Amino acid sequence: MADQRTLVVIRHAKSDWGQGVPDEERPLNERGRRDAPAVGRWLADNVDGIDLVICSSATRARQTWRLAAEKTGSKVTTRYDERVYAAEPRGLMAVLDEIGEEVGTAALVGHNPGLTELVETLTNESVEMKTSSVAVVRWQGTWADVWTRRAALVAHATPRG
């Protein structure tokens, strides 16, 4: 359906706290480097094409998407947006509001607690967005309509490598 929108919410894979670098620069740890490709395989098997990815500028989010994207089997336009880092649901929706109407399915790669709160705000369902978790949310209308029309949680998984 032309006016159906799908948002794929992806929490970054497990990061390394032992590097002594600022939070935004923390890389993935070994488990995160194993799990991120599993996210890509899950996306390839369960999501019918992503038109656009908006990814946090944080190192761990960028690494998660790069490793996941290698397993999706398709090239996807990716935008890195520092506003996704540490954002609350309203801030994340401001980013999503900028998505063009030609985009039917977008992915958002970011962080907690904002992603868990976003999924709960949009669907009125409680989900646990652990590291490497994916939630697929769908609604009828435009990107801006998600605030006025309750979205449905159509899938939730935590792929592991």
N, C-alpha and C. Protein backbone atom coordinates (compact mmCIF):
# COMPACT_ATOMS: atom_id res chain seq x y z
N MET A 1 0.84 -1.18 0.00
CA MET A 1 0.00 0.00 0.00
C MET A 1 0.88 1.24 0.00
N ALA A 2 0.60 2.18 -0.85
CA ALA A 2 1.47 3.34 -1.07
C ALA A 2 1.60 4.23 0.16
N ASP A 3 0.54 4.32 0.97
CA ASP A 3 0.62 5.22 2.11
C ASP A 3 0.95 4.50 3.41
N GLN A 4 1.47 3.28 3.33
CA GLN A 4 1.90 2.55 4.51
C GLN A 4 3.36 2.87 4.79
N ARG A 5 3.70 3.12 6.03
CA ARG A 5 5.07 3.41 6.43
C ARG A 5 5.54 2.33 7.39
N THR A 6 6.81 1.97 7.26
CA THR A 6 7.43 1.01 8.16
C THR A 6 8.70 1.63 8.72
N LEU A 7 8.83 1.56 10.04
CA LEU A 7 10.03 2.03 10.72
C LEU A 7 10.69 0.83 11.38
N VAL A 8 11.95 0.61 11.05
CA VAL A 8 12.74 -0.46 11.63
C VAL A 8 13.67 0.18 12.66
N VAL A 9 13.45 -0.09 13.92
CA VAL A 9 14.22 0.50 15.01
C VAL A 9 15.29 -0.50 15.42
N ILE A 10 16.56 -0.09 15.37
CA ILE A 10 17.68 -0.99 15.65
C ILE A 10 18.55 -0.37 16.75
N ARG A 11 18.69 -1.11 17.84
CA ARG A 11 19.63 -0.65 18.87
C ARG A 11 21.02 -1.19 18.53
N HIS A 12 22.02 -0.35 18.72
CA HIS A 12 23.40 -0.76 18.43
C HIS A 12 23.76 -2.04 19.19
N ALA A 13 24.74 -2.75 18.66
CA ALA A 13 25.24 -3.97 19.30
C ALA A 13 26.07 -3.60 20.53
N LYS A 14 26.47 -4.61 21.28
CA LYS A 14 27.19 -4.43 22.55
C LYS A 14 28.50 -3.67 22.33
N SER A 15 28.71 -2.65 23.18
CA SER A 15 29.91 -1.82 23.03
C SER A 15 30.93 -2.13 24.11
N ASP A 16 32.11 -1.61 23.89
CA ASP A 16 33.26 -1.85 24.76
C ASP A 16 33.43 -0.68 25.71
N TRP A 17 33.24 -0.96 27.00
CA TRP A 17 33.38 0.09 28.02
C TRP A 17 34.82 0.27 28.47
N GLY A 18 35.72 -0.60 28.08
CA GLY A 18 37.08 -0.58 28.60
C GLY A 18 38.09 0.20 27.78
N GLN A 19 37.64 1.01 26.87
CA GLN A 19 38.57 1.70 25.96
C GLN A 19 39.06 3.05 26.49
N GLY A 20 38.41 3.59 27.50
CA GLY A 20 38.84 4.88 28.04
C GLY A 20 38.61 6.03 27.07
N VAL A 21 37.59 5.92 26.24
CA VAL A 21 37.28 6.98 25.27
C VAL A 21 35.93 7.60 25.64
N PRO A 22 35.65 8.80 25.14
CA PRO A 22 34.33 9.40 25.40
C PRO A 22 33.21 8.47 24.92
N ASP A 23 32.06 8.56 25.59
CA ASP A 23 30.93 7.67 25.31
C ASP A 23 30.61 7.58 23.82
N GLU A 24 30.57 8.70 23.15
CA GLU A 24 30.18 8.70 21.73
C GLU A 24 31.19 7.95 20.85
N GLU A 25 32.41 7.78 21.35
CA GLU A 25 33.47 7.12 20.56
C GLU A 25 33.67 5.65 20.92
N ARG A 26 32.86 5.12 21.87
CA ARG A 26 33.04 3.72 22.25
C ARG A 26 32.77 2.79 21.07
N PRO A 27 33.70 1.86 20.79
CA PRO A 27 33.49 0.90 19.69
C PRO A 27 32.71 -0.32 20.17
N LEU A 28 32.38 -1.20 19.25
CA LEU A 28 31.77 -2.47 19.60
C LEU A 28 32.80 -3.36 20.28
N ASN A 29 32.33 -4.21 21.18
CA ASN A 29 33.22 -5.23 21.74
C ASN A 29 33.12 -6.49 20.88
N GLU A 30 33.77 -7.56 21.32
CA GLU A 30 33.78 -8.79 20.51
C GLU A 30 32.37 -9.33 20.29
N ARG A 31 31.56 -9.37 21.35
CA ARG A 31 30.18 -9.84 21.19
C ARG A 31 29.40 -8.96 20.22
N GLY A 32 29.59 -7.66 20.33
CA GLY A 32 28.91 -6.74 19.42
C GLY A 32 29.30 -6.98 17.97
N ARG A 33 30.57 -7.27 17.73
CA ARG A 33 31.03 -7.54 16.36
C ARG A 33 30.48 -8.87 15.84
N ARG A 34 30.12 -9.80 16.74
CA ARG A 34 29.46 -11.05 16.34
C ARG A 34 27.98 -10.84 16.09
N ASP A 35 27.33 -10.03 16.95
CA ASP A 35 25.88 -9.87 16.89
C ASP A 35 25.41 -8.95 15.76
N ALA A 36 26.18 -7.93 15.43
CA ALA A 36 25.75 -6.97 14.40
C ALA A 36 25.47 -7.65 13.05
N PRO A 37 26.31 -8.57 12.57
CA PRO A 37 25.97 -9.26 11.32
C PRO A 37 24.68 -10.08 11.44
N ALA A 38 24.40 -10.62 12.63
CA ALA A 38 23.15 -11.37 12.84
C ALA A 38 21.94 -10.45 12.66
N VAL A 39 22.08 -9.19 13.05
CA VAL A 39 21.02 -8.21 12.83
C VAL A 39 20.77 -8.07 11.32
N GLY A 40 21.84 -7.96 10.56
CA GLY A 40 21.70 -7.84 9.10
C GLY A 40 21.03 -9.06 8.48
N ARG A 41 21.39 -10.25 8.94
CA ARG A 41 20.74 -11.46 8.43
C ARG A 41 19.26 -11.47 8.78
N TRP A 42 18.92 -11.04 10.00
CA TRP A 42 17.52 -10.99 10.42
C TRP A 42 16.76 -9.99 9.53
N LEU A 43 17.35 -8.84 9.28
CA LEU A 43 16.71 -7.85 8.41
C LEU A 43 16.48 -8.42 7.01
N ALA A 44 17.48 -9.11 6.46
CA ALA A 44 17.35 -9.68 5.12
C ALA A 44 16.20 -10.69 5.06
N ASP A 45 16.01 -11.43 6.14
CA ASP A 45 14.97 -12.47 6.18
C ASP A 45 13.58 -11.94 6.54
N ASN A 46 13.50 -10.78 7.21
CA ASN A 46 12.23 -10.36 7.80
C ASN A 46 11.72 -8.98 7.38
N VAL A 47 12.54 -8.20 6.71
CA VAL A 47 12.11 -6.85 6.30
C VAL A 47 12.24 -6.76 4.79
N ASP A 48 11.15 -6.39 4.15
CA ASP A 48 11.10 -6.35 2.69
C ASP A 48 11.68 -5.05 2.14
N GLY A 49 12.99 -4.89 2.27
CA GLY A 49 13.67 -3.73 1.70
C GLY A 49 13.59 -2.49 2.57
N ILE A 50 14.73 -1.88 2.80
CA ILE A 50 14.83 -0.62 3.53
C ILE A 50 15.25 0.44 2.53
N ASP A 51 14.51 1.55 2.50
CA ASP A 51 14.79 2.63 1.54
C ASP A 51 15.83 3.62 2.07
N LEU A 52 15.87 3.80 3.38
CA LEU A 52 16.75 4.81 3.99
C LEU A 52 17.11 4.36 5.39
N VAL A 53 18.38 4.59 5.78
CA VAL A 53 18.82 4.34 7.15
C VAL A 53 19.28 5.68 7.73
N ILE A 54 18.79 5.97 8.92
CA ILE A 54 19.28 7.12 9.67
C ILE A 54 19.98 6.54 10.89
N CYS A 55 21.27 6.81 11.00
CA CYS A 55 22.11 6.18 12.01
C CYS A 55 22.73 7.23 12.91
N SER A 56 22.77 6.95 14.19
CA SER A 56 23.48 7.80 15.14
C SER A 56 24.92 7.97 14.68
N SER A 57 25.48 9.11 15.03
CA SER A 57 26.87 9.38 14.67
C SER A 57 27.85 8.68 15.61
N ALA A 58 27.37 8.07 16.68
CA ALA A 58 28.26 7.38 17.63
C ALA A 58 28.96 6.21 16.96
N THR A 59 30.19 5.98 17.35
CA THR A 59 31.01 4.92 16.74
C THR A 59 30.32 3.57 16.80
N ARG A 60 29.77 3.18 17.95
CA ARG A 60 29.17 1.86 18.08
C ARG A 60 27.94 1.69 17.18
N ALA A 61 27.19 2.75 16.97
CA ALA A 61 26.03 2.66 16.08
C ALA A 61 26.48 2.55 14.63
N ARG A 62 27.48 3.34 14.25
CA ARG A 62 28.00 3.29 12.88
C ARG A 62 28.57 1.91 12.57
N GLN A 63 29.33 1.35 13.53
CA GLN A 63 29.90 0.01 13.33
C GLN A 63 28.81 -1.05 13.24
N THR A 64 27.78 -0.92 14.08
CA THR A 64 26.67 -1.88 14.04
C THR A 64 26.04 -1.86 12.66
N TRP A 65 25.72 -0.67 12.14
CA TRP A 65 25.05 -0.62 10.84
C TRP A 65 25.97 -1.12 9.73
N ARG A 66 27.24 -0.76 9.77
CA ARG A 66 28.15 -1.22 8.71
C ARG A 66 28.21 -2.75 8.66
N LEU A 67 28.32 -3.39 9.82
CA LEU A 67 28.39 -4.86 9.87
C LEU A 67 27.05 -5.49 9.50
N ALA A 68 25.95 -4.88 9.92
CA ALA A 68 24.63 -5.41 9.58
C ALA A 68 24.35 -5.24 8.09
N ALA A 69 24.69 -4.08 7.55
CA ALA A 69 24.41 -3.79 6.14
C ALA A 69 25.12 -4.77 5.22
N GLU A 70 26.29 -5.24 5.61
CA GLU A 70 27.02 -6.22 4.79
C GLU A 70 26.22 -7.51 4.60
N LYS A 71 25.29 -7.79 5.51
CA LYS A 71 24.52 -9.04 5.47
C LYS A 71 23.12 -8.86 4.89
N THR A 72 22.73 -7.63 4.58
CA THR A 72 21.37 -7.41 4.08
C THR A 72 21.25 -7.74 2.60
N GLY A 73 22.36 -7.73 1.89
CA GLY A 73 22.32 -8.07 0.48
C GLY A 73 21.93 -6.92 -0.43
N SER A 74 21.81 -5.72 0.12
CA SER A 74 21.46 -4.58 -0.74
C SER A 74 22.13 -3.32 -0.22
N LYS A 75 22.37 -2.39 -1.12
CA LYS A 75 22.92 -1.08 -0.76
C LYS A 75 21.77 -0.19 -0.34
N VAL A 76 21.93 0.48 0.77
CA VAL A 76 20.89 1.35 1.29
C VAL A 76 21.48 2.73 1.54
N THR A 77 20.77 3.77 1.15
CA THR A 77 21.20 5.12 1.45
C THR A 77 21.22 5.29 2.96
N THR A 78 22.35 5.76 3.47
CA THR A 78 22.52 5.92 4.92
C THR A 78 22.90 7.36 5.23
N ARG A 79 22.20 7.92 6.22
CA ARG A 79 22.51 9.25 6.73
C ARG A 79 22.94 9.10 8.18
N TYR A 80 24.06 9.72 8.53
CA TYR A 80 24.52 9.72 9.91
C TYR A 80 24.09 11.05 10.53
N ASP A 81 23.40 10.96 11.67
CA ASP A 81 22.79 12.15 12.25
C ASP A 81 23.12 12.20 13.74
N GLU A 82 23.85 13.22 14.15
CA GLU A 82 24.25 13.34 15.55
C GLU A 82 23.05 13.56 16.48
N ARG A 83 21.92 13.99 15.93
CA ARG A 83 20.72 14.19 16.76
C ARG A 83 20.16 12.87 17.29
N VAL A 84 20.50 11.75 16.67
CA VAL A 84 19.99 10.45 17.12
C VAL A 84 20.71 10.00 18.39
N TYR A 85 21.93 10.46 18.59
CA TYR A 85 22.70 10.09 19.77
C TYR A 85 22.04 10.70 21.01
N ALA A 86 21.70 9.86 21.99
CA ALA A 86 21.11 10.28 23.27
C ALA A 86 19.77 10.99 23.12
N ALA A 87 19.06 10.76 22.04
CA ALA A 87 17.79 11.45 21.80
C ALA A 87 16.63 10.79 22.54
N GLU A 88 15.68 11.61 22.93
CA GLU A 88 14.42 11.15 23.49
C GLU A 88 13.44 10.97 22.32
N PRO A 89 12.28 10.33 22.58
CA PRO A 89 11.32 10.08 21.48
C PRO A 89 10.97 11.32 20.65
N ARG A 90 10.73 12.45 21.28
CA ARG A 90 10.37 13.65 20.51
C ARG A 90 11.51 14.06 19.57
N GLY A 91 12.74 13.98 20.05
CA GLY A 91 13.88 14.31 19.21
C GLY A 91 14.03 13.34 18.05
N LEU A 92 13.80 12.05 18.33
CA LEU A 92 13.86 11.05 17.26
C LEU A 92 12.76 11.28 16.23
N MET A 93 11.57 11.64 16.69
CA MET A 93 10.49 11.90 15.74
C MET A 93 10.76 13.13 14.90
N ALA A 94 11.45 14.12 15.47
CA ALA A 94 11.82 15.29 14.67
C ALA A 94 12.72 14.88 13.52
N VAL A 95 13.61 13.93 13.77
CA VAL A 95 14.48 13.40 12.70
C VAL A 95 13.64 12.65 11.67
N LEU A 96 12.71 11.82 12.15
CA LEU A 96 11.86 11.04 11.24
C LEU A 96 10.94 11.93 10.42
N ASP A 97 10.51 13.03 11.00
CA ASP A 97 9.63 13.96 10.27
C ASP A 97 10.27 14.50 9.00
N GLU A 98 11.59 14.48 8.94
CA GLU A 98 12.31 15.00 7.77
C GLU A 98 12.42 13.98 6.63
N ILE A 99 11.96 12.77 6.85
CA ILE A 99 12.04 11.74 5.81
C ILE A 99 11.06 12.08 4.69
N GLY A 100 11.53 11.97 3.46
CA GLY A 100 10.69 12.25 2.30
C GLY A 100 9.60 11.21 2.13
N GLU A 101 8.49 11.64 1.58
CA GLU A 101 7.35 10.75 1.42
C GLU A 101 7.58 9.63 0.40
N GLU A 102 8.65 9.71 -0.38
CA GLU A 102 8.98 8.63 -1.31
C GLU A 102 9.55 7.41 -0.58
N VAL A 103 9.90 7.58 0.69
CA VAL A 103 10.47 6.51 1.50
C VAL A 103 9.34 5.74 2.17
N GLY A 104 9.23 4.46 1.86
CA GLY A 104 8.21 3.62 2.48
C GLY A 104 8.71 2.96 3.75
N THR A 105 9.99 2.54 3.75
CA THR A 105 10.58 1.87 4.90
C THR A 105 11.89 2.54 5.26
N ALA A 106 11.99 2.95 6.51
CA ALA A 106 13.23 3.57 7.01
C ALA A 106 13.69 2.81 8.24
N ALA A 107 15.00 2.79 8.44
CA ALA A 107 15.57 2.20 9.65
C ALA A 107 16.22 3.31 10.46
N LEU A 108 16.13 3.18 11.77
CA LEU A 108 16.72 4.13 12.71
C LEU A 108 17.66 3.33 13.61
N VAL A 109 18.95 3.64 13.56
CA VAL A 109 19.95 2.92 14.36
C VAL A 109 20.41 3.85 15.47
N GLY A 110 20.15 3.45 16.71
CA GLY A 110 20.48 4.35 17.81
C GLY A 110 20.65 3.66 19.14
N HIS A 111 20.16 4.34 20.19
CA HIS A 111 20.53 4.03 21.56
C HIS A 111 19.31 3.99 22.48
N ASN A 112 19.52 3.34 23.62
CA ASN A 112 18.54 3.39 24.70
C ASN A 112 18.93 4.49 25.67
N PRO A 113 17.97 5.02 26.43
CA PRO A 113 16.59 4.56 26.54
C PRO A 113 15.66 5.10 25.44
N GLY A 114 16.17 5.99 24.60
CA GLY A 114 15.32 6.64 23.60
C GLY A 114 14.60 5.69 22.67
N LEU A 115 15.27 4.62 22.21
CA LEU A 115 14.62 3.71 21.27
C LEU A 115 13.49 2.92 21.92
N THR A 116 13.71 2.42 23.14
CA THR A 116 12.64 1.71 23.84
C THR A 116 11.45 2.63 24.04
N GLU A 117 11.71 3.85 24.48
CA GLU A 117 10.64 4.82 24.71
C GLU A 117 9.93 5.17 23.41
N LEU A 118 10.67 5.28 22.31
CA LEU A 118 10.06 5.58 21.02
C LEU A 118 9.08 4.48 20.61
N VAL A 119 9.53 3.22 20.67
CA VAL A 119 8.67 2.11 20.27
C VAL A 119 7.42 2.06 21.16
N GLU A 120 7.60 2.26 22.45
CA GLU A 120 6.45 2.24 23.36
C GLU A 120 5.51 3.41 23.08
N THR A 121 6.06 4.59 22.79
CA THR A 121 5.24 5.76 22.48
C THR A 121 4.42 5.53 21.22
N LEU A 122 5.05 4.95 20.20
CA LEU A 122 4.37 4.77 18.92
C LEU A 122 3.35 3.64 18.93
N THR A 123 3.62 2.58 19.69
CA THR A 123 2.77 1.38 19.62
C THR A 123 1.94 1.13 20.87
N ASN A 124 2.26 1.81 21.95
CA ASN A 124 1.63 1.56 23.24
C ASN A 124 1.89 0.14 23.72
N GLU A 125 3.01 -0.44 23.27
CA GLU A 125 3.42 -1.77 23.71
C GLU A 125 4.79 -1.67 24.36
N SER A 126 4.98 -2.41 25.43
CA SER A 126 6.24 -2.43 26.14
C SER A 126 7.18 -3.42 25.47
N VAL A 127 8.35 -2.95 25.07
CA VAL A 127 9.36 -3.82 24.46
C VAL A 127 10.69 -3.58 25.16
N GLU A 128 11.52 -4.60 25.19
CA GLU A 128 12.85 -4.45 25.74
C GLU A 128 13.84 -4.41 24.58
N MET A 129 14.42 -3.25 24.37
CA MET A 129 15.38 -3.09 23.28
C MET A 129 16.78 -3.31 23.83
N LYS A 130 17.14 -4.60 23.97
CA LYS A 130 18.50 -4.95 24.39
C LYS A 130 19.46 -4.58 23.27
N THR A 131 20.76 -4.69 23.54
CA THR A 131 21.71 -4.46 22.45
C THR A 131 21.40 -5.41 21.31
N SER A 132 21.50 -4.94 20.09
CA SER A 132 21.22 -5.68 18.86
C SER A 132 19.74 -5.98 18.64
N SER A 133 18.85 -5.38 19.41
CA SER A 133 17.42 -5.62 19.22
C SER A 133 16.89 -4.84 18.02
N VAL A 134 15.85 -5.41 17.42
CA VAL A 134 15.17 -4.80 16.29
C VAL A 134 13.67 -4.79 16.59
N ALA A 135 13.03 -3.67 16.33
CA ALA A 135 11.57 -3.58 16.41
C ALA A 135 11.07 -3.02 15.08
N VAL A 136 10.05 -3.65 14.53
CA VAL A 136 9.46 -3.20 13.27
C VAL A 136 8.08 -2.65 13.59
N VAL A 137 7.87 -1.38 13.21
CA VAL A 137 6.65 -0.65 13.52
C VAL A 137 6.03 -0.21 12.21
N ARG A 138 4.69 -0.32 12.11
CA ARG A 138 4.03 0.02 10.84
C ARG A 138 2.74 0.80 11.10
N TRP A 139 2.43 1.74 10.19
CA TRP A 139 1.19 2.51 10.27
C TRP A 139 0.79 2.99 8.89
N GLN A 140 -0.44 3.43 8.77
CA GLN A 140 -0.96 4.01 7.53
C GLN A 140 -0.76 5.52 7.58
N GLY A 141 -0.39 6.11 6.46
CA GLY A 141 -0.25 7.56 6.39
C GLY A 141 1.17 7.99 6.10
N THR A 142 1.46 9.22 6.44
CA THR A 142 2.77 9.81 6.17
C THR A 142 3.69 9.59 7.37
N TRP A 143 4.93 10.02 7.24
CA TRP A 143 5.86 9.93 8.36
C TRP A 143 5.37 10.78 9.53
N ALA A 144 4.81 11.94 9.25
CA ALA A 144 4.31 12.81 10.31
C ALA A 144 3.06 12.24 10.98
N ASP A 145 2.33 11.38 10.29
CA ASP A 145 1.08 10.81 10.84
C ASP A 145 1.30 9.84 11.98
N VAL A 146 2.50 9.40 12.20
CA VAL A 146 2.72 8.41 13.25
C VAL A 146 2.31 8.95 14.62
N TRP A 147 2.34 10.27 14.78
CA TRP A 147 1.93 10.85 16.06
C TRP A 147 0.43 10.79 16.26
N THR A 148 -0.33 10.83 15.17
CA THR A 148 -1.79 10.91 15.30
C THR A 148 -2.48 9.58 15.06
N ARG A 149 -1.82 8.64 14.44
CA ARG A 149 -2.39 7.32 14.17
C ARG A 149 -1.52 6.28 14.87
N ARG A 150 -2.10 5.52 15.73
CA ARG A 150 -1.33 4.53 16.50
C ARG A 150 -0.67 3.52 15.56
N ALA A 151 0.60 3.32 15.76
CA ALA A 151 1.34 2.35 14.95
C ALA A 151 1.23 0.96 15.57
N ALA A 152 1.48 -0.05 14.76
CA ALA A 152 1.45 -1.44 15.22
C ALA A 152 2.86 -1.99 15.28
N LEU A 153 3.17 -2.70 16.35
CA LEU A 153 4.43 -3.43 16.45
C LEU A 153 4.24 -4.73 15.70
N VAL A 154 4.95 -4.91 14.58
CA VAL A 154 4.74 -6.10 13.77
C VAL A 154 5.84 -7.15 13.96
N ALA A 155 6.96 -6.77 14.55
CA ALA A 155 8.03 -7.73 14.84
C ALA A 155 8.95 -7.14 15.89
N HIS A 156 9.53 -8.04 16.69
CA HIS A 156 10.54 -7.64 17.67
C HIS A 156 11.46 -8.83 17.87
N ALA A 157 12.75 -8.60 17.74
CA ALA A 157 13.72 -9.70 17.87
C ALA A 157 15.04 -9.16 18.40
N THR A 158 15.83 -10.07 18.95
CA THR A 158 17.20 -9.75 19.36
C THR A 158 18.11 -10.81 18.75
N PRO A 159 18.51 -10.59 17.50
CA PRO A 159 19.38 -11.56 16.82
C PRO A 159 20.76 -11.63 17.49
N ARG A 160 21.27 -12.82 17.61
CA ARG A 160 22.61 -13.02 18.19
C ARG A 160 23.47 -13.80 17.21
N GLY A 161 24.77 -13.47 17.22
CA GLY A 161 25.72 -14.10 16.30
C GLY A 161 26.29 -15.38 16.83
